[in-house]
Each structure stands twice: as C-alpha cells, then as structure tokens.
Amino acid sequence: SFFIVSGAANIQTFCLAAFVAAFGYGACQPVINALCMKAVPPGRRGAASSTSYLGIDLGSMMGPVLAGMIISRFGAASLLDGYIAMWRIMTVPIFLAIAIVIACRKKVLKIEAGFLGRK
C-alpha cells in the first residue's frame, strides 16, 4: 500500500491503497501474534502477547517520527518529492522484517517442536 500511495493521483488510488493496507494488517496481525505464541512455552504466552503488542505500539510511535525525518531530508526540492520518497523508503523495514521471519523460520519451528515434545 505504501507504493500505491506514493504514486496516487486520485481518490480511487488512495481507496485502493487503504483497502490493501487494511487487508494486509488484518491478515498479518493474527499471524504475528500466532508466531509469538508458538515461540514460547504456554506459561509465557501472556508475556509474548504483551511484547508483540508493545512492538506494534513502538512502531506506531517511531514510524511517523522517522517518516518526518525522511520528508525533511528529501523534501528540499519539493514537499511532494519528500512524501513520495518517504512512502517508498518506509517499505524497507517491512521487507527487512519479512526477510528476518523467513530466515528465522527453521529456528521457530525447532523451538515449537521442543515445546510440544517433538524432536
């Protein structure tokens, strides 16, 4: 949705970006929560859930600050250029997180198997 917003020129495109963002968040949030629950013993699931939500809150707090810094850095020529750069650069943490999840997938499965008594 960030790439869609960066190139949006009309309300229909913004609505498409909103749909994609809502779908993505609605699909990813439960998956992230489930991964957190799978990676800890049953007695630590409350702490894992709290940590997951704390991470979301920190991202919601730090994201706009980082975005504002990007706009001020790249918006010198034109404010519009700053916003386009911001939306595109803000995809980097998303792709980085996806890469980390993929890289750690085997480790998470191994931890989960240990909790379930499988080797």
PDB file of N, CA and C in Angstrom:
ATOM      1  N   SER A   1       0.824  -1.196   0.000  1.00  0.00           N
ATOM      2  CA  SER A   1       0.000   0.000   0.000  1.00  0.00           C
ATOM      3  C   SER A   1       0.868   1.259   0.000  1.00  0.00           C
ATOM      4  N   PHE A   2       2.074   1.163   0.578  1.00  0.00           N
ATOM      5  CA  PHE A   2       2.958   2.342   0.597  1.00  0.00           C
ATOM      6  C   PHE A   2       3.359   2.742  -0.823  1.00  0.00           C
ATOM      7  N   PHE A   3       3.649   1.747  -1.670  1.00  0.00           N
ATOM      8  CA  PHE A   3       3.993   2.059  -3.056  1.00  0.00           C
ATOM      9  C   PHE A   3       2.792   2.643  -3.794  1.00  0.00           C
ATOM     10  N   ILE A   4       1.602   2.142  -3.505  1.00  0.00           N
ATOM     11  CA  ILE A   4       0.405   2.663  -4.158  1.00  0.00           C
ATOM     12  C   ILE A   4       0.183   4.120  -3.767  1.00  0.00           C
ATOM     13  N   VAL A   5       0.324   4.423  -2.474  1.00  0.00           N
ATOM     14  CA  VAL A   5       0.146   5.804  -2.013  1.00  0.00           C
ATOM     15  C   VAL A   5       1.201   6.714  -2.630  1.00  0.00           C
ATOM     16  N   SER A   6       2.428   6.215  -2.771  1.00  0.00           N
ATOM     17  CA  SER A   6       3.495   7.072  -3.307  1.00  0.00           C
ATOM     18  C   SER A   6       3.226   7.509  -4.739  1.00  0.00           C
ATOM     19  N   GLY A   7       2.418   6.752  -5.464  1.00  0.00           N
ATOM     20  CA  GLY A   7       2.112   7.130  -6.842  1.00  0.00           C
ATOM     21  C   GLY A   7       0.669   7.554  -7.053  1.00  0.00           C
ATOM     22  N   ALA A   8      -0.080   7.699  -5.958  1.00  0.00           N
ATOM     23  CA  ALA A   8      -1.507   8.006  -6.076  1.00  0.00           C
ATOM     24  C   ALA A   8      -1.727   9.420  -6.591  1.00  0.00           C
ATOM     25  N   ALA A   9      -2.683   9.550  -7.515  1.00  0.00           N
ATOM     26  CA  ALA A   9      -3.010  10.860  -8.072  1.00  0.00           C
ATOM     27  C   ALA A   9      -4.501  11.166  -7.965  1.00  0.00           C
ATOM     28  N   ASN A  10      -5.305  10.188  -7.486  1.00  0.00           N
ATOM     29  CA  ASN A  10      -6.744  10.435  -7.369  1.00  0.00           C
ATOM     30  C   ASN A  10      -7.300   9.639  -6.183  1.00  0.00           C
ATOM     31  N   ILE A  11      -8.543   9.903  -5.868  1.00  0.00           N
ATOM     32  CA  ILE A  11      -9.169   9.287  -4.701  1.00  0.00           C
ATOM     33  C   ILE A  11      -9.322   7.772  -4.860  1.00  0.00           C
ATOM     34  N   GLN A  12      -9.534   7.306  -6.076  1.00  0.00           N
ATOM     35  CA  GLN A  12      -9.674   5.865  -6.291  1.00  0.00           C
ATOM     36  C   GLN A  12      -8.389   5.124  -5.924  1.00  0.00           C
ATOM     37  N   THR A  13      -7.263   5.706  -6.267  1.00  0.00           N
ATOM     38  CA  THR A  13      -5.978   5.081  -5.939  1.00  0.00           C
ATOM     39  C   THR A  13      -5.744   5.090  -4.433  1.00  0.00           C
ATOM     40  N   PHE A  14      -6.119   6.174  -3.761  1.00  0.00           N
ATOM     41  CA  PHE A  14      -5.994   6.217  -2.304  1.00  0.00           C
ATOM     42  C   PHE A  14      -6.913   5.177  -1.649  1.00  0.00           C
ATOM     43  N   CYS A  15      -8.097   5.000  -2.199  1.00  0.00           N
ATOM     44  CA  CYS A  15      -9.014   3.984  -1.663  1.00  0.00           C
ATOM     45  C   CYS A  15      -8.442   2.583  -1.878  1.00  0.00           C
ATOM     46  N   LEU A  16      -7.823   2.346  -3.017  1.00  0.00           N
ATOM     47  CA  LEU A  16      -7.168   1.062  -3.261  1.00  0.00           C
ATOM     48  C   LEU A  16      -6.049   0.835  -2.245  1.00  0.00           C
ATOM     49  N   ALA A  17      -5.255   1.865  -1.991  1.00  0.00           N
ATOM     50  CA  ALA A  17      -4.172   1.756  -1.005  1.00  0.00           C
ATOM     51  C   ALA A  17      -4.738   1.469   0.386  1.00  0.00           C
ATOM     52  N   ALA A  18      -5.840   2.097   0.734  1.00  0.00           N
ATOM     53  CA  ALA A  18      -6.470   1.850   2.031  1.00  0.00           C
ATOM     54  C   ALA A  18      -6.960   0.413   2.133  1.00  0.00           C
ATOM     55  N   PHE A  19      -7.548  -0.094   1.066  1.00  0.00           N
ATOM     56  CA  PHE A  19      -8.012  -1.479   1.043  1.00  0.00           C
ATOM     57  C   PHE A  19      -6.848  -2.445   1.212  1.00  0.00           C
ATOM     58  N   VAL A  20      -5.771  -2.223   0.472  1.00  0.00           N
ATOM     59  CA  VAL A  20      -4.599  -3.103   0.552  1.00  0.00           C
ATOM     60  C   VAL A  20      -3.990  -3.046   1.956  1.00  0.00           C
ATOM     61  N   ALA A  21      -3.887  -1.852   2.539  1.00  0.00           N
ATOM     62  CA  ALA A  21      -3.319  -1.712   3.883  1.00  0.00           C
ATOM     63  C   ALA A  21      -4.185  -2.415   4.921  1.00  0.00           C
ATOM     64  N   ALA A  22      -5.481  -2.232   4.841  1.00  0.00           N
ATOM     65  CA  ALA A  22      -6.391  -2.870   5.807  1.00  0.00           C
ATOM     66  C   ALA A  22      -6.352  -4.382   5.666  1.00  0.00           C
ATOM     67  N   PHE A  23      -6.329  -4.874   4.443  1.00  0.00           N
ATOM     68  CA  PHE A  23      -6.248  -6.315   4.216  1.00  0.00           C
ATOM     69  C   PHE A  23      -4.934  -6.869   4.749  1.00  0.00           C
ATOM     70  N   GLY A  24      -3.838  -6.172   4.454  1.00  0.00           N
ATOM     71  CA  GLY A  24      -2.526  -6.617   4.916  1.00  0.00           C
ATOM     72  C   GLY A  24      -2.417  -6.634   6.430  1.00  0.00           C
ATOM     73  N   TYR A  25      -2.879  -5.588   7.073  1.00  0.00           N
ATOM     74  CA  TYR A  25      -2.816  -5.535   8.533  1.00  0.00           C
ATOM     75  C   TYR A  25      -3.735  -6.590   9.140  1.00  0.00           C
ATOM     76  N   GLY A  26      -4.912  -6.730   8.584  1.00  0.00           N
ATOM     77  CA  GLY A  26      -5.858  -7.716   9.101  1.00  0.00           C
ATOM     78  C   GLY A  26      -5.377  -9.138   8.927  1.00  0.00           C
ATOM     79  N   ALA A  27      -4.576  -9.391   7.905  1.00  0.00           N
ATOM     80  CA  ALA A  27      -4.042 -10.733   7.675  1.00  0.00           C
ATOM     81  C   ALA A  27      -2.758 -10.969   8.464  1.00  0.00           C
ATOM     82  N   CYS A  28      -1.927  -9.953   8.574  1.00  0.00           N
ATOM     83  CA  CYS A  28      -0.613 -10.132   9.206  1.00  0.00           C
ATOM     84  C   CYS A  28      -0.654 -10.099  10.724  1.00  0.00           C
ATOM     85  N   GLN A  29      -1.480  -9.261  11.318  1.00  0.00           N
ATOM     86  CA  GLN A  29      -1.509  -9.145  12.775  1.00  0.00           C
ATOM     87  C   GLN A  29      -1.817 -10.478  13.465  1.00  0.00           C
ATOM     88  N   PRO A  30      -2.827 -11.222  13.058  1.00  0.00           N
ATOM     89  CA  PRO A  30      -3.063 -12.515  13.704  1.00  0.00           C
ATOM     90  C   PRO A  30      -1.918 -13.514  13.476  1.00  0.00           C
ATOM     91  N   VAL A  31      -1.282 -13.447  12.318  1.00  0.00           N
ATOM     92  CA  VAL A  31      -0.164 -14.347  12.040  1.00  0.00           C
ATOM     93  C   VAL A  31       1.014 -14.020  12.951  1.00  0.00           C
ATOM     94  N   ILE A  32       1.307 -12.741  13.110  1.00  0.00           N
ATOM     95  CA  ILE A  32       2.397 -12.326  14.002  1.00  0.00           C
ATOM     96  C   ILE A  32       2.104 -12.758  15.429  1.00  0.00           C
ATOM     97  N   ASN A  33       0.879 -12.565  15.867  1.00  0.00           N
ATOM     98  CA  ASN A  33       0.506 -12.971  17.218  1.00  0.00           C
ATOM     99  C   ASN A  33       0.629 -14.483  17.387  1.00  0.00           C
ATOM    100  N   ALA A  34       0.204 -15.247  16.393  1.00  0.00           N
ATOM    101  CA  ALA A  34       0.315 -16.707  16.460  1.00  0.00           C
ATOM    102  C   ALA A  34       1.778 -17.149  16.499  1.00  0.00           C
ATOM    103  N   LEU A  35       2.637 -16.509  15.721  1.00  0.00           N
ATOM    104  CA  LEU A  35       4.059 -16.838  15.758  1.00  0.00           C
ATOM    105  C   LEU A  35       4.652 -16.569  17.137  1.00  0.00           C
ATOM    106  N   CYS A  36       4.229 -15.472  17.743  1.00  0.00           N
ATOM    107  CA  CYS A  36       4.707 -15.165  19.101  1.00  0.00           C
ATOM    108  C   CYS A  36       4.259 -16.233  20.090  1.00  0.00           C
ATOM    109  N   MET A  37       3.038 -16.691  19.959  1.00  0.00           N
ATOM    110  CA  MET A  37       2.515 -17.703  20.878  1.00  0.00           C
ATOM    111  C   MET A  37       3.205 -19.053  20.679  1.00  0.00           C
ATOM    112  N   LYS A  38       3.570 -19.355  19.425  1.00  0.00           N
ATOM    113  CA  LYS A  38       4.221 -20.631  19.124  1.00  0.00           C
ATOM    114  C   LYS A  38       5.662 -20.672  19.612  1.00  0.00           C
ATOM    115  N   ALA A  39       6.292 -19.518  19.767  1.00  0.00           N
ATOM    116  CA  ALA A  39       7.719 -19.463  20.069  1.00  0.00           C
ATOM    117  C   ALA A  39       8.027 -19.445  21.566  1.00  0.00           C
ATOM    118  N   VAL A  40       7.009 -19.561  22.403  1.00  0.00           N
ATOM    119  CA  VAL A  40       7.233 -19.534  23.854  1.00  0.00           C
ATOM    120  C   VAL A  40       6.483 -20.689  24.516  1.00  0.00           C
ATOM    121  N   PRO A  41       6.927 -21.087  25.712  1.00  0.00           N
ATOM    122  CA  PRO A  41       6.163 -22.114  26.430  1.00  0.00           C
ATOM    123  C   PRO A  41       4.798 -21.569  26.838  1.00  0.00           C
ATOM    124  N   PRO A  42       3.825 -22.441  27.059  1.00  0.00           N
ATOM    125  CA  PRO A  42       2.469 -21.981  27.395  1.00  0.00           C
ATOM    126  C   PRO A  42       2.401 -21.000  28.562  1.00  0.00           C
ATOM    127  N   GLY A  43       3.266 -21.147  29.534  1.00  0.00           N
ATOM    128  CA  GLY A  43       3.239 -20.249  30.693  1.00  0.00           C
ATOM    129  C   GLY A  43       3.733 -18.842  30.411  1.00  0.00           C
ATOM    130  N   ARG A  44       4.360 -18.630  29.268  1.00  0.00           N
ATOM    131  CA  ARG A  44       4.910 -17.308  28.909  1.00  0.00           C
ATOM    132  C   ARG A  44       4.121 -16.629  27.804  1.00  0.00           C
ATOM    133  N   ARG A  45       2.966 -17.171  27.454  1.00  0.00           N
ATOM    134  CA  ARG A  45       2.203 -16.612  26.333  1.00  0.00           C
ATOM    135  C   ARG A  45       1.676 -15.213  26.621  1.00  0.00           C
ATOM    136  N   GLY A  46       1.357 -14.921  27.853  1.00  0.00           N
ATOM    137  CA  GLY A  46       0.913 -13.564  28.195  1.00  0.00           C
ATOM    138  C   GLY A  46       2.017 -12.551  27.953  1.00  0.00           C
ATOM    139  N   ALA A  47       3.239 -12.896  28.374  1.00  0.00           N
ATOM    140  CA  ALA A  47       4.379 -12.003  28.152  1.00  0.00           C
ATOM    141  C   ALA A  47       4.679 -11.863  26.667  1.00  0.00           C
ATOM    142  N   ALA A  48       4.559 -12.956  25.924  1.00  0.00           N
ATOM    143  CA  ALA A  48       4.813 -12.899  24.481  1.00  0.00           C
ATOM    144  C   ALA A  48       3.790 -12.007  23.781  1.00  0.00           C
ATOM    145  N   SER A  49       2.536 -12.144  24.168  1.00  0.00           N
ATOM    146  CA  SER A  49       1.485 -11.316  23.575  1.00  0.00           C
ATOM    147  C   SER A  49       1.711  -9.841  23.900  1.00  0.00           C
ATOM    148  N   SER A  50       2.054  -9.573  25.143  1.00  0.00           N
ATOM    149  CA  SER A  50       2.314  -8.197  25.559  1.00  0.00           C
ATOM    150  C   SER A  50       3.499  -7.611  24.802  1.00  0.00           C
ATOM    151  N   THR A  51       4.549  -8.405  24.634  1.00  0.00           N
ATOM    152  CA  THR A  51       5.725  -7.945  23.894  1.00  0.00           C
ATOM    153  C   THR A  51       5.377  -7.668  22.437  1.00  0.00           C
ATOM    154  N   SER A  52       4.562  -8.511  21.844  1.00  0.00           N
ATOM    155  CA  SER A  52       4.135  -8.305  20.463  1.00  0.00           C
ATOM    156  C   SER A  52       3.377  -6.986  20.316  1.00  0.00           C
ATOM    157  N   TYR A  53       2.435  -6.756  21.215  1.00  0.00           N
ATOM    158  CA  TYR A  53       1.663  -5.515  21.145  1.00  0.00           C
ATOM    159  C   TYR A  53       2.517  -4.295  21.471  1.00  0.00           C
ATOM    160  N   LEU A  54       3.493  -4.470  22.349  1.00  0.00           N
ATOM    161  CA  LEU A  54       4.408  -3.372  22.653  1.00  0.00           C
ATOM    162  C   LEU A  54       5.223  -3.004  21.416  1.00  0.00           C
ATOM    163  N   GLY A  55       5.647  -4.030  20.665  1.00  0.00           N
ATOM    164  CA  GLY A  55       6.372  -3.772  19.422  1.00  0.00           C
ATOM    165  C   GLY A  55       5.528  -3.007  18.415  1.00  0.00           C
ATOM    166  N   ILE A  56       4.262  -3.364  18.319  1.00  0.00           N
ATOM    167  CA  ILE A  56       3.357  -2.644  17.420  1.00  0.00           C
ATOM    168  C   ILE A  56       3.223  -1.193  17.862  1.00  0.00           C
ATOM    169  N   ASP A  57       3.073  -0.994  19.165  1.00  0.00           N
ATOM    170  CA  ASP A  57       2.946   0.370  19.689  1.00  0.00           C
ATOM    171  C   ASP A  57       4.210   1.189  19.445  1.00  0.00           C
ATOM    172  N   LEU A  58       5.371   0.581  19.658  1.00  0.00           N
ATOM    173  CA  LEU A  58       6.623   1.302  19.410  1.00  0.00           C
ATOM    174  C   LEU A  58       6.776   1.653  17.936  1.00  0.00           C
ATOM    175  N   GLY A  59       6.405   0.719  17.062  1.00  0.00           N
ATOM    176  CA  GLY A  59       6.455   1.005  15.630  1.00  0.00           C
ATOM    177  C   GLY A  59       5.508   2.128  15.238  1.00  0.00           C
ATOM    178  N   SER A  60       4.328   2.136  15.867  1.00  0.00           N
ATOM    179  CA  SER A  60       3.356   3.201  15.586  1.00  0.00           C
ATOM    180  C   SER A  60       3.845   4.543  16.116  1.00  0.00           C
ATOM    181  N   MET A  61       4.683   4.508  17.143  1.00  0.00           N
ATOM    182  CA  MET A  61       5.219   5.740  17.704  1.00  0.00           C
ATOM    183  C   MET A  61       6.427   6.229  16.906  1.00  0.00           C
ATOM    184  N   MET A  62       7.320   5.316  16.543  1.00  0.00           N
ATOM    185  CA  MET A  62       8.560   5.715  15.883  1.00  0.00           C
ATOM    186  C   MET A  62       8.398   5.917  14.375  1.00  0.00           C
ATOM    187  N   GLY A  63       7.446   5.229  13.764  1.00  0.00           N
ATOM    188  CA  GLY A  63       7.255   5.346  12.326  1.00  0.00           C
ATOM    189  C   GLY A  63       7.020   6.768  11.840  1.00  0.00           C
ATOM    190  N   PRO A  64       6.065   7.485  12.432  1.00  0.00           N
ATOM    191  CA  PRO A  64       5.837   8.862  11.975  1.00  0.00           C
ATOM    192  C   PRO A  64       7.025   9.791  12.218  1.00  0.00           C
ATOM    193  N   VAL A  65       7.783   9.553  13.286  1.00  0.00           N
ATOM    194  CA  VAL A  65       8.973  10.377  13.539  1.00  0.00           C
ATOM    195  C   VAL A  65      10.002  10.139  12.447  1.00  0.00           C
ATOM    196  N   LEU A  66      10.237   8.879  12.133  1.00  0.00           N
ATOM    197  CA  LEU A  66      11.173   8.539  11.054  1.00  0.00           C
ATOM    198  C   LEU A  66      10.670   9.083   9.715  1.00  0.00           C
ATOM    199  N   ALA A  67       9.386   8.966   9.469  1.00  0.00           N
ATOM    200  CA  ALA A  67       8.810   9.480   8.223  1.00  0.00           C
ATOM    201  C   ALA A  67       9.006  10.988   8.104  1.00  0.00           C
ATOM    202  N   GLY A  68       8.804  11.698   9.194  1.00  0.00           N
ATOM    203  CA  GLY A  68       9.019  13.145   9.177  1.00  0.00           C
ATOM    204  C   GLY A  68      10.466  13.505   8.881  1.00  0.00           C
ATOM    205  N   MET A  69      11.396  12.721   9.415  1.00  0.00           N
ATOM    206  CA  MET A  69      12.814  12.979   9.135  1.00  0.00           C
ATOM    207  C   MET A  69      13.121  12.730   7.664  1.00  0.00           C
ATOM    208  N   ILE A  70      12.507  11.710   7.092  1.00  0.00           N
ATOM    209  CA  ILE A  70      12.717  11.421   5.667  1.00  0.00           C
ATOM    210  C   ILE A  70      12.156  12.556   4.818  1.00  0.00           C
ATOM    211  N   ILE A  71      10.959  13.043   5.164  1.00  0.00           N
ATOM    212  CA  ILE A  71      10.360  14.143   4.397  1.00  0.00           C
ATOM    213  C   ILE A  71      11.252  15.369   4.448  1.00  0.00           C
ATOM    214  N   SER A  72      11.769  15.712   5.631  1.00  0.00           N
ATOM    215  CA  SER A  72      12.601  16.908   5.739  1.00  0.00           C
ATOM    216  C   SER A  72      13.917  16.743   4.984  1.00  0.00           C
ATOM    217  N   ARG A  73      14.414  15.525   4.891  1.00  0.00           N
ATOM    218  CA  ARG A  73      15.677  15.273   4.182  1.00  0.00           C
ATOM    219  C   ARG A  73      15.488  15.289   2.665  1.00  0.00           C
ATOM    220  N   PHE A  74      14.449  14.648   2.171  1.00  0.00           N
ATOM    221  CA  PHE A  74      14.245  14.505   0.729  1.00  0.00           C
ATOM    222  C   PHE A  74      13.268  15.528   0.160  1.00  0.00           C
ATOM    223  N   GLY A  75      12.646  16.325   0.997  1.00  0.00           N
ATOM    224  CA  GLY A  75      11.657  17.287   0.524  1.00  0.00           C
ATOM    225  C   GLY A  75      12.211  18.667   0.270  1.00  0.00           C
ATOM    226  N   ALA A  76      13.539  18.795   0.177  1.00  0.00           N
ATOM    227  CA  ALA A  76      14.148  20.113  -0.015  1.00  0.00           C
ATOM    228  C   ALA A  76      13.738  20.734  -1.348  1.00  0.00           C
ATOM    229  N   ALA A  77      13.710  19.938  -2.412  1.00  0.00           N
ATOM    230  CA  ALA A  77      13.338  20.463  -3.728  1.00  0.00           C
ATOM    231  C   ALA A  77      11.841  20.711  -3.806  1.00  0.00           C
ATOM    232  N   SER A  78      11.069  19.782  -3.297  1.00  0.00           N
ATOM    233  CA  SER A  78       9.622  19.883  -3.346  1.00  0.00           C
ATOM    234  C   SER A  78       9.044  19.003  -2.251  1.00  0.00           C
ATOM    235  N   LEU A  79       8.044  19.518  -1.565  1.00  0.00           N
ATOM    236  CA  LEU A  79       7.420  18.743  -0.500  1.00  0.00           C
ATOM    237  C   LEU A  79       6.830  17.452  -1.037  1.00  0.00           C
ATOM    238  N   LEU A  80       6.281  17.495  -2.244  1.00  0.00           N
ATOM    239  CA  LEU A  80       5.705  16.291  -2.861  1.00  0.00           C
ATOM    240  C   LEU A  80       6.778  15.223  -3.053  1.00  0.00           C
ATOM    241  N   ASP A  81       7.980  15.620  -3.494  1.00  0.00           N
ATOM    242  CA  ASP A  81       9.080  14.660  -3.657  1.00  0.00           C
ATOM    243  C   ASP A  81       9.438  14.024  -2.322  1.00  0.00           C
ATOM    244  N   GLY A  82       9.367  14.798  -1.249  1.00  0.00           N
ATOM    245  CA  GLY A  82       9.660  14.270   0.075  1.00  0.00           C
ATOM    246  C   GLY A  82       8.669  13.200   0.497  1.00  0.00           C
ATOM    247  N   TYR A  83       7.388  13.419   0.197  1.00  0.00           N
ATOM    248  CA  TYR A  83       6.374  12.422   0.545  1.00  0.00           C
ATOM    249  C   TYR A  83       6.501  11.163  -0.312  1.00  0.00           C
ATOM    250  N   ILE A  84       6.804  11.321  -1.576  1.00  0.00           N
ATOM    251  CA  ILE A  84       6.998  10.153  -2.443  1.00  0.00           C
ATOM    252  C   ILE A  84       8.169   9.325  -1.927  1.00  0.00           C
ATOM    253  N   ALA A  85       9.284   9.988  -1.615  1.00  0.00           N
ATOM    254  CA  ALA A  85      10.455   9.280  -1.080  1.00  0.00           C
ATOM    255  C   ALA A  85      10.118   8.617   0.246  1.00  0.00           C
ATOM    256  N   MET A  86       9.373   9.316   1.107  1.00  0.00           N
ATOM    257  CA  MET A  86       9.018   8.764   2.414  1.00  0.00           C
ATOM    258  C   MET A  86       8.254   7.461   2.266  1.00  0.00           C
ATOM    259  N   TRP A  87       7.208   7.453   1.453  1.00  0.00           N
ATOM    260  CA  TRP A  87       6.392   6.244   1.308  1.00  0.00           C
ATOM    261  C   TRP A  87       7.210   5.093   0.752  1.00  0.00           C
ATOM    262  N   ARG A  88       8.110   5.388  -0.161  1.00  0.00           N
ATOM    263  CA  ARG A  88       8.916   4.310  -0.753  1.00  0.00           C
ATOM    264  C   ARG A  88       9.999   3.812   0.202  1.00  0.00           C
ATOM    265  N   ILE A  89      10.629   4.709   0.923  1.00  0.00           N
ATOM    266  CA  ILE A  89      11.672   4.308   1.872  1.00  0.00           C
ATOM    267  C   ILE A  89      11.070   3.549   3.054  1.00  0.00           C
ATOM    268  N   MET A  90       9.859   3.883   3.433  1.00  0.00           N
ATOM    269  CA  MET A  90       9.229   3.211   4.579  1.00  0.00           C
ATOM    270  C   MET A  90       8.864   1.759   4.271  1.00  0.00           C
ATOM    271  N   THR A  91       9.016   1.334   3.023  1.00  0.00           N
ATOM    272  CA  THR A  91       8.813  -0.088   2.715  1.00  0.00           C
ATOM    273  C   THR A  91      10.029  -0.924   3.106  1.00  0.00           C
ATOM    274  N   VAL A  92      11.174  -0.297   3.270  1.00  0.00           N
ATOM    275  CA  VAL A  92      12.400  -1.031   3.602  1.00  0.00           C
ATOM    276  C   VAL A  92      12.244  -1.821   4.914  1.00  0.00           C
ATOM    277  N   PRO A  93      11.763  -1.218   6.010  1.00  0.00           N
ATOM    278  CA  PRO A  93      11.595  -2.017   7.230  1.00  0.00           C
ATOM    279  C   PRO A  93      10.612  -3.178   7.065  1.00  0.00           C
ATOM    280  N   ILE A  94       9.615  -3.005   6.228  1.00  0.00           N
ATOM    281  CA  ILE A  94       8.645  -4.076   6.001  1.00  0.00           C
ATOM    282  C   ILE A  94       9.326  -5.265   5.332  1.00  0.00           C
ATOM    283  N   PHE A  95      10.090  -5.000   4.266  1.00  0.00           N
ATOM    284  CA  PHE A  95      10.779  -6.078   3.574  1.00  0.00           C
ATOM    285  C   PHE A  95      11.873  -6.689   4.450  1.00  0.00           C
ATOM    286  N   LEU A  96      12.509  -5.872   5.278  1.00  0.00           N
ATOM    287  CA  LEU A  96      13.514  -6.384   6.207  1.00  0.00           C
ATOM    288  C   LEU A  96      12.878  -7.340   7.219  1.00  0.00           C
ATOM    289  N   ALA A  97      11.716  -6.986   7.739  1.00  0.00           N
ATOM    290  CA  ALA A  97      11.014  -7.856   8.688  1.00  0.00           C
ATOM    291  C   ALA A  97      10.608  -9.166   8.030  1.00  0.00           C
ATOM    292  N   ILE A  98      10.142  -9.100   6.797  1.00  0.00           N
ATOM    293  CA  ILE A  98       9.778 -10.326   6.071  1.00  0.00           C
ATOM    294  C   ILE A  98      10.999 -11.223   5.905  1.00  0.00           C
ATOM    295  N   ALA A  99      12.140 -10.634   5.570  1.00  0.00           N
ATOM    296  CA  ALA A  99      13.370 -11.412   5.401  1.00  0.00           C
ATOM    297  C   ALA A  99      13.796 -12.059   6.719  1.00  0.00           C
ATOM    298  N   ILE A 100      13.659 -11.345   7.823  1.00  0.00           N
ATOM    299  CA  ILE A 100      14.022 -11.901   9.128  1.00  0.00           C
ATOM    300  C   ILE A 100      13.120 -13.071   9.490  1.00  0.00           C
ATOM    301  N   VAL A 101      11.824 -12.940   9.249  1.00  0.00           N
ATOM    302  CA  VAL A 101      10.894 -14.035   9.541  1.00  0.00           C
ATOM    303  C   VAL A 101      11.238 -15.264   8.707  1.00  0.00           C
ATOM    304  N   ILE A 102      11.527 -15.063   7.441  1.00  0.00           N
ATOM    305  CA  ILE A 102      11.882 -16.190   6.575  1.00  0.00           C
ATOM    306  C   ILE A 102      13.196 -16.826   7.037  1.00  0.00           C
ATOM    307  N   ALA A 103      14.173 -15.997   7.399  1.00  0.00           N
ATOM    308  CA  ALA A 103      15.476 -16.510   7.834  1.00  0.00           C
ATOM    309  C   ALA A 103      15.370 -17.277   9.158  1.00  0.00           C
ATOM    310  N   CYS A 104      14.466 -16.866  10.029  1.00  0.00           N
ATOM    311  CA  CYS A 104      14.332 -17.487  11.358  1.00  0.00           C
ATOM    312  C   CYS A 104      13.261 -18.568  11.404  1.00  0.00           C
ATOM    313  N   ARG A 105      12.672 -18.889  10.290  1.00  0.00           N
ATOM    314  CA  ARG A 105      11.556 -19.843  10.263  1.00  0.00           C
ATOM    315  C   ARG A 105      11.937 -21.200  10.840  1.00  0.00           C
ATOM    316  N   LYS A 106      13.089 -21.734  10.449  1.00  0.00           N
ATOM    317  CA  LYS A 106      13.507 -23.047  10.946  1.00  0.00           C
ATOM    318  C   LYS A 106      13.744 -23.012  12.457  1.00  0.00           C
ATOM    319  N   LYS A 107      14.296 -21.924  12.936  1.00  0.00           N
ATOM    320  CA  LYS A 107      14.550 -21.798  14.374  1.00  0.00           C
ATOM    321  C   LYS A 107      13.236 -21.778  15.155  1.00  0.00           C
ATOM    322  N   VAL A 108      12.246 -21.061  14.659  1.00  0.00           N
ATOM    323  CA  VAL A 108      10.938 -21.005  15.318  1.00  0.00           C
ATOM    324  C   VAL A 108      10.285 -22.384  15.318  1.00  0.00           C
ATOM    325  N   LEU A 109      10.367 -23.087  14.208  1.00  0.00           N
ATOM    326  CA  LEU A 109       9.793 -24.432  14.139  1.00  0.00           C
ATOM    327  C   LEU A 109      10.495 -25.382  15.103  1.00  0.00           C
ATOM    328  N   LYS A 110      11.810 -25.242  15.255  1.00  0.00           N
ATOM    329  CA  LYS A 110      12.574 -26.077  16.182  1.00  0.00           C
ATOM    330  C   LYS A 110      12.168 -25.779  17.626  1.00  0.00           C
ATOM    331  N   ILE A 111      12.008 -24.513  17.947  1.00  0.00           N
ATOM    332  CA  ILE A 111      11.577 -24.137  19.304  1.00  0.00           C
ATOM    333  C   ILE A 111      10.190 -24.681  19.582  1.00  0.00           C
ATOM    334  N   GLU A 112       9.287 -24.524  18.624  1.00  0.00           N
ATOM    335  CA  GLU A 112       7.932 -25.027  18.793  1.00  0.00           C
ATOM    336  C   GLU A 112       7.928 -26.540  19.002  1.00  0.00           C
ATOM    337  N   ALA A 113       8.725 -27.265  18.223  1.00  0.00           N
ATOM    338  CA  ALA A 113       8.793 -28.717  18.361  1.00  0.00           C
ATOM    339  C   ALA A 113       9.300 -29.105  19.747  1.00  0.00           C
ATOM    340  N   GLY A 114      10.220 -28.336  20.317  1.00  0.00           N
ATOM    341  CA  GLY A 114      10.725 -28.601  21.656  1.00  0.00           C
ATOM    342  C   GLY A 114       9.636 -28.443  22.701  1.00  0.00           C
ATOM    343  N   PHE A 115       8.758 -27.475  22.535  1.00  0.00           N
ATOM    344  CA  PHE A 115       7.667 -27.264  23.485  1.00  0.00           C
ATOM    345  C   PHE A 115       6.628 -28.379  23.396  1.00  0.00           C
ATOM    346  N   LEU A 116       6.469 -28.905  22.201  1.00  0.00           N
ATOM    347  CA  LEU A 116       5.462 -29.954  22.003  1.00  0.00           C
ATOM    348  C   LEU A 116       6.028 -31.348  22.253  1.00  0.00           C
ATOM    349  N   GLY A 117       7.300 -31.449  22.630  1.00  0.00           N
ATOM    350  CA  GLY A 117       7.905 -32.728  22.936  1.00  0.00           C
ATOM    351  C   GLY A 117       8.380 -33.498  21.727  1.00  0.00           C
ATOM    352  N   ARG A 118       8.392 -32.850  20.556  1.00  0.00           N
ATOM    353  CA  ARG A 118       8.901 -33.495  19.330  1.00  0.00           C
ATOM    354  C   ARG A 118      10.339 -33.079  19.111  1.00  0.00           C
ATOM    355  N   LYS A 119      11.076 -33.927  18.479  1.00  0.00           N
ATOM    356  CA  LYS A 119      12.470 -33.584  18.163  1.00  0.00           C
ATOM    357  C   LYS A 119      12.707 -33.635  16.680  1.00  0.00           C
TER     358      LYS A 119
END
